[in-house]
Protein backbone atom coordinates (compact mmCIF):
# COMPACT_ATOMS: atom_id res chain seq x y z
CA MET A 1 -12.17 17.13 -45.00
CA ARG A 2 -10.18 14.01 -45.88
CA ALA A 3 -9.47 11.80 -42.89
CA LEU A 4 -5.82 11.58 -41.91
CA LYS A 5 -4.19 8.24 -42.50
CA ILE A 6 -2.48 7.38 -39.22
CA ALA A 7 -0.07 4.65 -38.14
CA ILE A 8 0.92 3.68 -34.60
CA LEU A 9 4.24 1.87 -34.29
CA GLY A 10 4.28 -0.58 -31.40
CA ALA A 11 1.42 -2.31 -29.59
CA GLY A 12 2.46 -1.84 -25.97
CA ILE A 13 0.26 -0.10 -23.41
CA SER A 14 0.91 3.36 -24.90
CA GLY A 15 0.20 2.40 -28.50
CA LEU A 16 -2.83 0.28 -27.64
CA SER A 17 -4.48 2.84 -25.37
CA LEU A 18 -3.95 5.56 -27.99
CA PHE A 19 -5.47 3.30 -30.67
CA ASP A 20 -8.44 2.44 -28.48
CA ILE A 21 -9.25 5.99 -27.32
CA LEU A 22 -8.91 7.41 -30.85
CA GLY A 23 -11.29 4.75 -32.15
CA ARG A 24 -13.89 4.78 -29.43
CA GLN A 25 -13.95 8.48 -28.58
CA TYR A 26 -13.32 10.06 -31.99
CA ASN A 27 -13.95 7.25 -34.49
CA ILE A 28 -10.44 7.77 -35.82
CA LYS A 29 -9.01 4.60 -37.36
CA CYS A 30 -5.31 3.76 -37.27
CA ASP A 31 -3.01 1.05 -38.54
CA ILE A 32 -0.96 -0.42 -35.72
CA TYR A 33 2.35 -2.22 -36.29
CA GLU A 34 3.84 -4.70 -33.83
CA LYS A 35 6.80 -6.96 -34.53
CA GLU A 36 5.71 -9.58 -31.98
CA LYS A 37 2.89 -11.94 -32.86
CA GLU A 38 0.97 -10.80 -29.79
CA ILE A 39 0.17 -7.36 -28.44
CA GLY A 40 1.12 -5.96 -25.05
CA GLY A 41 4.80 -5.01 -25.12
CA LEU A 42 6.10 -5.08 -21.55
CA CYS A 43 2.61 -5.96 -20.30
CA ARG A 44 2.44 -9.53 -21.60
CA THR A 45 1.51 -12.63 -19.63
CA ARG A 46 2.08 -16.35 -20.01
CA ILE A 47 0.23 -19.11 -18.20
CA VAL A 48 2.74 -21.88 -17.46
CA ASN A 49 1.57 -25.12 -15.78
CA GLY A 50 -1.28 -23.18 -14.19
CA TYR A 51 0.97 -20.33 -12.97
CA THR A 52 0.39 -16.76 -14.21
CA TYR A 53 3.62 -15.10 -15.31
CA ASP A 54 3.95 -11.44 -16.32
CA ILE A 55 7.08 -11.97 -18.36
CA SER A 56 8.69 -8.53 -17.97
CA GLY A 57 8.19 -8.25 -14.21
CA GLY A 58 5.12 -7.42 -12.19
CA HIS A 59 2.63 -4.84 -13.43
CA VAL A 60 -0.10 -3.56 -11.14
CA PHE A 61 -2.53 -0.71 -11.68
CA ASN A 62 -3.74 2.31 -9.78
CA SER A 63 -4.10 5.99 -10.59
CA ARG A 64 -4.82 9.31 -8.93
CA ASN A 65 -6.53 10.42 -12.13
CA GLU A 66 -10.21 9.49 -11.93
CA LYS A 67 -10.55 9.72 -15.72
CA ILE A 68 -7.91 7.01 -16.12
CA LYS A 69 -9.54 4.77 -13.52
CA GLU A 70 -12.89 5.31 -15.24
CA TYR A 71 -11.35 4.39 -18.61
CA VAL A 72 -9.68 1.23 -17.27
CA PHE A 73 -12.68 0.06 -15.24
CA ASP A 74 -14.94 0.58 -18.23
CA LEU A 75 -12.83 -1.99 -20.07
CA LEU A 76 -12.17 -4.36 -17.18
CA LYS A 77 -14.94 -4.03 -14.62
CA PRO A 78 -14.09 -3.39 -10.93
CA GLU A 79 -15.35 -6.84 -10.00
CA GLU A 80 -12.76 -8.35 -12.37
CA TRP A 81 -9.89 -6.99 -10.26
CA VAL A 82 -8.32 -7.85 -6.92
CA PHE A 83 -7.78 -4.72 -4.81
CA SER A 84 -4.81 -4.99 -2.44
CA SER A 85 -2.81 -2.93 0.00
CA ARG A 86 0.88 -3.17 -0.78
CA ASN A 87 2.77 -5.55 1.50
CA ALA A 88 6.31 -5.00 0.27
CA LYS A 89 9.38 -6.27 2.11
CA ILE A 90 13.14 -5.72 2.05
CA LEU A 91 15.53 -8.63 2.54
CA PHE A 92 18.35 -6.97 4.46
CA ASP A 93 21.72 -8.44 5.50
CA ASN A 94 21.86 -11.92 7.00
CA GLY A 95 18.31 -12.78 6.06
CA LEU A 96 16.65 -10.01 8.10
CA VAL A 97 13.27 -9.13 6.56
CA ILE A 98 11.88 -5.65 7.20
CA ASP A 99 8.97 -3.67 5.80
CA TYR A 100 9.21 -1.26 2.89
CA PRO A 101 9.90 1.65 2.89
CA PHE A 102 13.29 1.21 4.54
CA GLU A 103 13.27 4.54 6.39
CA PHE A 104 10.09 3.63 8.29
CA SER A 105 11.58 0.31 9.43
CA LEU A 106 14.81 1.54 11.02
CA SER A 107 13.72 0.23 14.44
CA LYS A 108 13.87 -3.31 12.98
CA LEU A 109 17.57 -3.00 12.14
CA PRO A 110 20.54 -3.83 14.40
CA PHE A 111 20.94 -1.01 16.93
CA GLU A 112 24.19 0.48 15.58
CA THR A 113 22.87 0.47 12.00
CA ALA A 114 19.60 2.11 13.03
CA PHE A 115 21.43 4.69 15.15
CA GLU A 116 23.73 5.60 12.26
CA CYS A 117 20.78 6.03 9.88
CA ILE A 118 18.81 8.21 12.33
CA ARG A 119 21.87 10.26 13.31
CA ASP A 120 22.75 10.96 9.68
CA LEU A 121 19.16 11.90 8.94
CA PHE A 122 19.55 14.82 11.35
CA LEU A 123 23.08 15.69 10.19
CA ARG A 124 22.09 16.20 6.55
CA LYS A 125 23.66 19.22 4.88
CA ASN A 126 21.95 21.65 2.52
CA ILE A 127 23.85 20.65 -0.61
CA GLU A 128 23.31 21.50 -4.26
CA ILE A 129 21.69 18.46 -5.87
CA LYS A 130 23.53 17.60 -9.08
CA ASN A 131 22.89 13.87 -9.42
CA LEU A 132 20.95 10.93 -8.00
CA GLU A 133 23.47 10.31 -5.24
CA ASP A 134 23.14 13.93 -4.06
CA PHE A 135 19.35 13.63 -4.16
CA PHE A 136 19.31 10.57 -1.95
CA ILE A 137 21.83 11.92 0.57
CA TYR A 138 20.08 15.30 0.76
CA ASN A 139 16.69 13.71 1.44
CA PHE A 140 17.68 10.69 3.55
CA GLY A 141 21.21 11.18 4.92
CA ASN A 142 24.34 9.09 4.48
CA GLY A 143 23.22 6.11 6.57
CA ILE A 144 20.01 5.26 4.73
CA TYR A 145 21.83 5.90 1.47
CA LYS A 146 24.73 3.60 2.38
CA TYR A 147 22.67 0.69 3.72
CA TYR A 148 19.77 0.65 1.29
CA LEU A 149 19.43 3.27 -1.44
CA LYS A 150 22.96 2.95 -2.83
CA PRO A 151 23.22 -0.87 -3.01
CA TYR A 152 19.67 -1.35 -4.29
CA ASN A 153 19.82 1.34 -6.95
CA GLU A 154 23.31 0.39 -8.12
CA LYS A 155 22.03 -3.15 -8.53
CA ILE A 156 19.00 -2.19 -10.63
CA TRP A 157 20.67 0.58 -12.68
CA LYS A 158 24.12 -1.03 -13.01
CA MET A 159 25.60 2.45 -12.85
CA ASP A 160 27.38 4.82 -10.47
CA LEU A 161 24.59 6.96 -8.98
CA HIS A 162 26.90 9.95 -9.14
CA GLU A 163 26.58 9.68 -12.93
CA MET A 164 22.77 9.54 -12.96
CA ASP A 165 20.27 12.38 -13.21
CA PHE A 166 17.52 12.69 -10.60
CA ASP A 167 14.63 14.50 -12.31
CA TRP A 168 12.72 11.24 -12.92
CA ILE A 169 12.50 10.14 -9.31
CA HIS A 170 9.31 11.99 -8.31
CA GLY A 171 6.46 9.51 -8.00
CA LYS A 172 8.81 6.51 -8.09
CA ILE A 173 9.79 6.31 -4.43
CA PRO A 174 8.41 7.87 -1.26
CA TYR A 175 10.58 10.59 0.24
CA PRO A 176 8.90 11.71 3.46
CA SER A 177 10.04 14.50 5.74
CA VAL A 178 12.32 13.89 8.72
CA GLU A 179 9.32 14.54 10.98
CA ASP A 180 7.31 11.83 9.20
CA ILE A 181 10.17 9.35 9.47
CA VAL A 182 10.69 9.95 13.18
CA ARG A 183 6.95 9.75 13.88
CA LYS A 184 6.69 6.47 11.95
CA ILE A 185 9.64 4.98 13.84
CA LEU A 186 8.25 6.00 17.25
CA GLU A 187 4.78 4.73 16.37
CA CYS A 188 6.24 1.49 14.93
CA ASP A 189 4.13 2.21 11.85
CA THR A 190 5.76 1.13 8.59
CA SER A 191 2.80 1.92 6.34
CA GLU A 192 3.14 4.41 3.49
CA ASN A 193 0.02 5.84 1.86
CA ASN A 194 1.25 8.58 -0.47
CA MET A 195 2.45 6.48 -3.41
CA VAL A 196 0.02 5.34 -6.10
CA HIS A 197 1.03 1.72 -5.55
CA SER A 198 0.49 1.80 -1.79
CA THR A 199 -2.76 0.20 -2.91
CA PHE A 200 -3.23 -1.42 -6.29
CA TYR A 201 -5.44 -3.47 -8.56
CA TYR A 202 -4.52 -6.69 -10.35
CA PRO A 203 -6.75 -8.72 -12.67
CA ILE A 204 -8.37 -11.71 -10.97
CA ASP A 205 -7.71 -13.94 -13.95
CA GLY A 206 -5.13 -13.97 -16.75
CA GLY A 207 -2.54 -11.51 -15.45
CA ILE A 208 -1.98 -8.02 -16.78
CA ASN A 209 -2.57 -9.38 -20.29
CA THR A 210 -6.28 -9.39 -19.45
CA LEU A 211 -6.29 -5.58 -19.40
CA VAL A 212 -4.10 -5.42 -22.51
CA ASN A 213 -6.45 -7.67 -24.45
CA ARG A 214 -9.46 -5.54 -23.50
CA ILE A 215 -7.70 -2.36 -24.60
CA GLY A 216 -6.58 -3.96 -27.85
CA LYS A 217 -9.75 -5.93 -28.62
CA ASP A 218 -10.40 -3.95 -31.84
CA VAL A 219 -6.86 -4.07 -33.20
CA ALA A 220 -6.76 -5.55 -36.69
CA ARG A 221 -4.19 -8.29 -37.19
CA GLU A 222 -2.96 -6.98 -40.54
CA HIS A 223 0.31 -5.57 -39.20
CA ILE A 224 0.67 -7.62 -35.98
CA GLY A 225 3.79 -9.73 -36.35
CA GLU A 226 5.21 -7.23 -38.87
CA ASP A 227 8.45 -5.57 -37.88
CA VAL A 228 8.89 -1.95 -38.95
CA GLU A 229 11.94 -2.17 -41.18
CA LYS A 230 11.86 1.12 -43.09
CA ILE A 231 10.58 4.62 -42.24
CA GLU A 232 10.91 7.30 -44.89
CA PHE A 233 10.05 11.01 -44.74
CA VAL A 234 9.03 12.17 -48.24
CA ASN A 235 7.73 15.73 -48.49
CA SER A 236 4.81 15.91 -46.02
CA LYS A 237 4.21 12.15 -45.98
CA ILE A 238 5.70 9.30 -43.96
CA TYR A 239 6.19 5.84 -45.44
CA VAL A 240 6.23 2.84 -43.11
CA ASN A 241 7.37 -0.34 -44.87
CA GLY A 242 6.26 1.37 -48.10
CA ASN A 243 2.78 2.32 -46.82
CA LYS A 244 1.98 6.06 -46.95
CA TYR A 245 0.70 7.95 -43.88
CA ASP A 246 -0.11 11.53 -42.96
CA LEU A 247 0.74 11.05 -39.28
CA VAL A 248 2.79 8.44 -37.42
CA VAL A 249 2.88 7.93 -33.65
CA ASN A 250 5.99 6.04 -32.67
CA THR A 251 6.20 3.97 -29.46
CA ILE A 252 9.15 1.86 -30.67
CA PRO A 253 12.30 2.30 -28.51
CA LEU A 254 14.29 5.23 -29.83
CA PRO A 255 17.57 3.35 -30.45
CA GLU A 256 15.70 1.05 -32.85
CA LEU A 257 14.93 4.04 -35.07
CA ALA A 258 18.61 4.45 -35.90
CA ASN A 259 18.36 1.47 -38.26
CA LYS A 260 14.81 2.10 -39.47
CA VAL A 261 14.62 5.78 -40.43
CA GLN A 262 16.19 6.35 -43.83
CA ASN A 263 18.78 9.07 -44.46
CA LEU A 264 19.21 10.01 -40.81
CA PRO A 265 21.70 12.81 -40.15
CA LYS A 266 24.76 11.44 -38.39
CA ASP A 267 24.25 13.51 -35.24
CA ILE A 268 20.70 12.12 -34.85
CA GLU A 269 21.92 8.58 -35.38
CA ASN A 270 24.62 9.11 -32.74
CA ALA A 271 22.13 10.60 -30.27
CA LEU A 272 19.79 7.61 -30.72
CA ASN A 273 22.60 5.12 -30.25
CA ASN A 274 23.97 6.91 -27.18
CA LEU A 275 20.77 6.53 -25.16
CA LYS A 276 21.26 4.07 -22.30
CA TYR A 277 18.84 1.38 -21.16
CA ASN A 278 18.78 -1.78 -19.09
CA SER A 279 17.51 -5.18 -20.13
CA LEU A 280 15.75 -7.60 -17.79
CA LEU A 281 15.92 -11.34 -17.20
CA THR A 282 13.03 -12.86 -15.27
CA TYR A 283 12.42 -16.37 -13.92
CA ILE A 284 9.24 -17.76 -12.39
CA PHE A 285 9.43 -20.34 -9.59
CA PRO A 286 6.48 -22.29 -8.15
CA THR A 287 6.32 -22.04 -4.34
CA GLU A 288 4.09 -22.98 -1.49
CA ARG A 289 1.61 -20.33 -0.32
CA GLU A 290 3.53 -19.21 2.76
CA ASN A 291 2.91 -15.45 3.04
CA ASN A 292 0.93 -12.57 1.56
CA TRP A 293 3.84 -10.47 0.35
CA SER A 294 3.41 -8.33 -2.76
CA TRP A 295 7.08 -8.01 -3.66
CA CYS A 296 10.48 -7.95 -1.97
CA TYR A 297 13.48 -5.68 -2.62
CA LEU A 298 16.96 -7.23 -2.50
CA PRO A 299 19.72 -4.67 -1.77
CA ASP A 300 22.24 -7.36 -0.71
CA LYS A 301 24.92 -7.43 -3.42
CA LYS A 302 25.59 -11.13 -2.85
CA ILE A 303 22.12 -11.82 -4.28
CA ILE A 304 21.96 -11.33 -8.06
CA PRO A 305 18.29 -10.20 -8.54
CA HIS A 306 17.18 -6.77 -7.36
CA ARG A 307 13.56 -7.78 -6.70
CA MET A 308 11.25 -10.73 -6.19
CA MET A 309 7.64 -10.35 -7.31
CA TYR A 310 5.21 -12.58 -5.44
CA GLN A 311 2.95 -12.89 -8.44
CA GLY A 312 1.19 -15.95 -7.10
CA ASN A 313 -0.09 -13.78 -4.23
CA LEU A 314 -1.65 -11.08 -6.43
CA SER A 315 -4.71 -13.20 -7.18
CA ILE A 316 -5.89 -16.61 -6.01
CA LYS A 317 -6.06 -17.57 -9.70
CA CYS A 318 -2.41 -16.80 -10.35
CA ALA A 319 -1.38 -20.27 -9.16
CA PRO A 320 -2.90 -23.73 -8.59
CA GLU A 321 -4.88 -24.15 -5.37
CA GLY A 322 -2.67 -23.93 -2.28
CA LYS A 323 0.34 -22.82 -4.32
CA SER A 324 1.98 -19.51 -5.11
CA SER A 325 4.90 -18.28 -7.23
CA VAL A 326 7.85 -15.92 -7.20
CA THR A 327 9.26 -14.04 -10.18
CA THR A 328 12.87 -12.86 -9.86
CA GLU A 329 14.09 -9.79 -11.77
CA ILE A 330 17.69 -9.24 -12.90
CA THR A 331 18.86 -6.25 -14.93
CA ASN A 332 21.66 -6.65 -17.49
CA PRO A 333 22.67 -10.15 -16.36
CA ILE A 334 26.40 -10.69 -16.86
CA ASP A 335 26.70 -14.16 -15.33
CA ASP A 336 25.85 -17.34 -17.18
CA GLU A 337 22.60 -19.05 -16.26
CA LYS A 338 24.26 -21.76 -14.20
CA ILE A 339 25.78 -19.16 -11.87
CA ILE A 340 22.50 -17.24 -11.68
CA LEU A 341 20.43 -20.31 -10.83
CA GLU A 342 22.94 -21.45 -8.22
CA ASN A 343 22.77 -17.98 -6.65
CA LEU A 344 18.96 -18.06 -6.56
CA LYS A 345 19.02 -21.48 -4.93
CA ASN A 346 21.73 -20.70 -2.38
CA TYR A 347 20.49 -17.29 -1.24
CA LEU A 348 16.75 -17.36 -1.91
CA GLY A 349 15.96 -21.08 -1.79
CA LEU A 350 14.48 -20.95 -5.29
CA ASP A 351 15.05 -23.96 -7.52
CA ASN A 352 13.81 -25.32 -10.85
CA PRO A 353 12.19 -22.34 -12.61
CA ILE A 354 9.34 -23.26 -14.93
CA ASP A 355 9.90 -20.37 -17.34
CA ARG A 356 12.20 -17.46 -18.12
CA HIS A 357 12.09 -14.38 -20.33
CA PHE A 358 14.60 -11.81 -21.53
CA THR A 359 13.34 -8.28 -22.20
CA LYS A 360 15.74 -6.13 -24.21
CA TYR A 361 14.20 -2.76 -23.30
CA ALA A 362 13.02 -2.79 -19.68
CA TYR A 363 14.34 0.37 -17.99
CA VAL A 364 15.31 3.77 -19.34
CA VAL A 365 18.61 4.81 -17.74
CA PHE A 366 18.78 8.46 -16.71
CA ASP A 367 22.45 9.15 -17.31
CA LYS A 368 23.73 12.72 -17.44
CA ASN A 369 23.75 12.79 -21.26
CA ARG A 370 20.11 11.73 -21.62
CA LYS A 371 18.66 15.25 -21.79
CA LYS A 372 21.22 16.44 -24.34
CA ASN A 373 20.64 13.43 -26.61
CA LEU A 374 16.88 13.67 -26.19
CA ASP A 375 16.79 17.37 -27.09
CA VAL A 376 18.59 16.65 -30.37
CA ILE A 377 16.27 13.74 -31.17
CA ARG A 378 13.06 15.62 -30.35
CA SER A 379 14.16 18.63 -32.37
CA PHE A 380 14.74 16.48 -35.44
CA PHE A 381 11.46 14.54 -35.35
CA SER A 382 9.44 17.69 -34.61
CA ASN A 383 10.06 18.64 -38.26
CA PHE A 384 7.73 15.82 -39.35
CA ASN A 385 4.29 14.53 -38.43
CA PHE A 386 6.11 11.90 -36.36
CA ILE A 387 5.10 11.88 -32.69
CA LEU A 388 7.18 10.21 -29.97
CA HIS A 389 4.89 8.56 -27.41
CA GLY A 390 5.41 6.07 -24.58
CA ARG A 391 8.17 5.02 -22.20
CA PHE A 392 10.85 4.17 -24.73
CA ALA A 393 9.87 6.71 -27.37
CA GLU A 394 9.79 9.60 -24.91
CA TRP A 395 12.77 7.99 -23.11
CA ASP A 396 11.05 8.41 -19.79
CA TYR A 397 9.86 6.17 -16.94
CA PRO A 398 6.05 6.49 -16.68
CA ASN A 399 4.01 3.81 -14.95
CA MET A 400 1.16 2.12 -16.81
CA ASP A 401 -1.45 4.63 -15.62
CA ILE A 402 0.65 7.59 -16.77
CA CYS A 403 1.12 5.96 -20.19
CA ILE A 404 -2.66 5.78 -20.54
CA GLU A 405 -3.05 9.34 -19.26
CA ARG A 406 -0.59 10.61 -21.88
CA SER A 407 -2.50 8.68 -24.56
CA LEU A 408 -5.69 10.43 -23.47
CA LEU A 409 -4.01 13.83 -23.82
CA LEU A 410 -2.48 12.92 -27.18
CA THR A 411 -5.82 11.83 -28.64
CA GLY A 412 -7.17 15.33 -28.19
CA MET A 413 -4.28 16.81 -30.15
CA ILE A 414 -4.67 14.25 -32.94
CA ALA A 415 -8.45 14.82 -33.08
CA GLU A 416 -7.84 18.55 -33.43
CA LYS A 417 -5.28 17.91 -36.16
CA SER A 418 -7.85 15.73 -37.89
CA GLY A 419 -10.40 18.58 -37.84
CA ILE A 420 -12.75 16.77 -35.42
CA MET A 421 -12.44 19.24 -32.53
């Protein structure tokens, strides 16, 4: 049986892990296209003046799937990682720092604020959940929603939460029972152990790029640095930049396909262009090594970023000896850089960043029209041997471990299609 000729579009974590598993487990070779000159997608790292900088925000690894941990630790050995317990903080009003998650730290708040949050937790009504706002109020009550969940999520999503869907939220935030919250408050225990990232691994040296480079160590450079400009469906074949393939796995963000796929029906083009996403601006600032925080959430609307990542604390090798660093994350920045940098200095005491990066596709936005647009898009591409795979091709919000897990599942389907299984 003739081997299928396969292309993977995009060399982020989804495309790379698929390429690697297909090659190592099934000896299936693929061409992989990546418009950047380096692989990694969102999981890329720069070393600037001795400071490690994951340019699209912090990326840490853990998984509940032992197969995924086995896969990752086979590439990057356990001794090449730092294992940490999450020490996340929330910078509340007037500089008050409390532990994350917010609902376990209510006793640290001013009395009236804490009382309102606890009271509303018990006064929750059994409402029909239609949107993200309903989801938060149903699970946490009006107080916790008003003081933390609403301002933080409106800052990161830049959208009215009443207009957002909620089906993506599972596995992204903890939502404990009322009994758990009350017990935690009474025990003064702010720890949370149910989320994957309650504990996490981070490479000792080189940032998250170290894992990326191990996964992509066998990638040929032929199409790295080559943008996909034209995709054509001709009979049962797919042409990518004029090269013929039997099967194409796309990890390129869906809206980009509107200008790449030839002869798209107008309704598909509209659906692709109507998908919503947020971009991300990050800065890295050198700091003194003053704490062991992992990251800090910033719900205060006076402060422009939504989060600070204490990347210099993730590994002793992430910064020069005795130093650390902070990466700030800002979605869809609307202010000019002078205003942003003044805000960071005035409210966070951060001055003179040593690097910055703008990521066009950082977050999928789960607006109410997402499902409708996605159904139309999936239906169209299902007519061809053109598979949508990865965060921005599936228009979903999987963490790094889930991206790898989905690659593992997809390899089995491709191997079967290739007549290997």
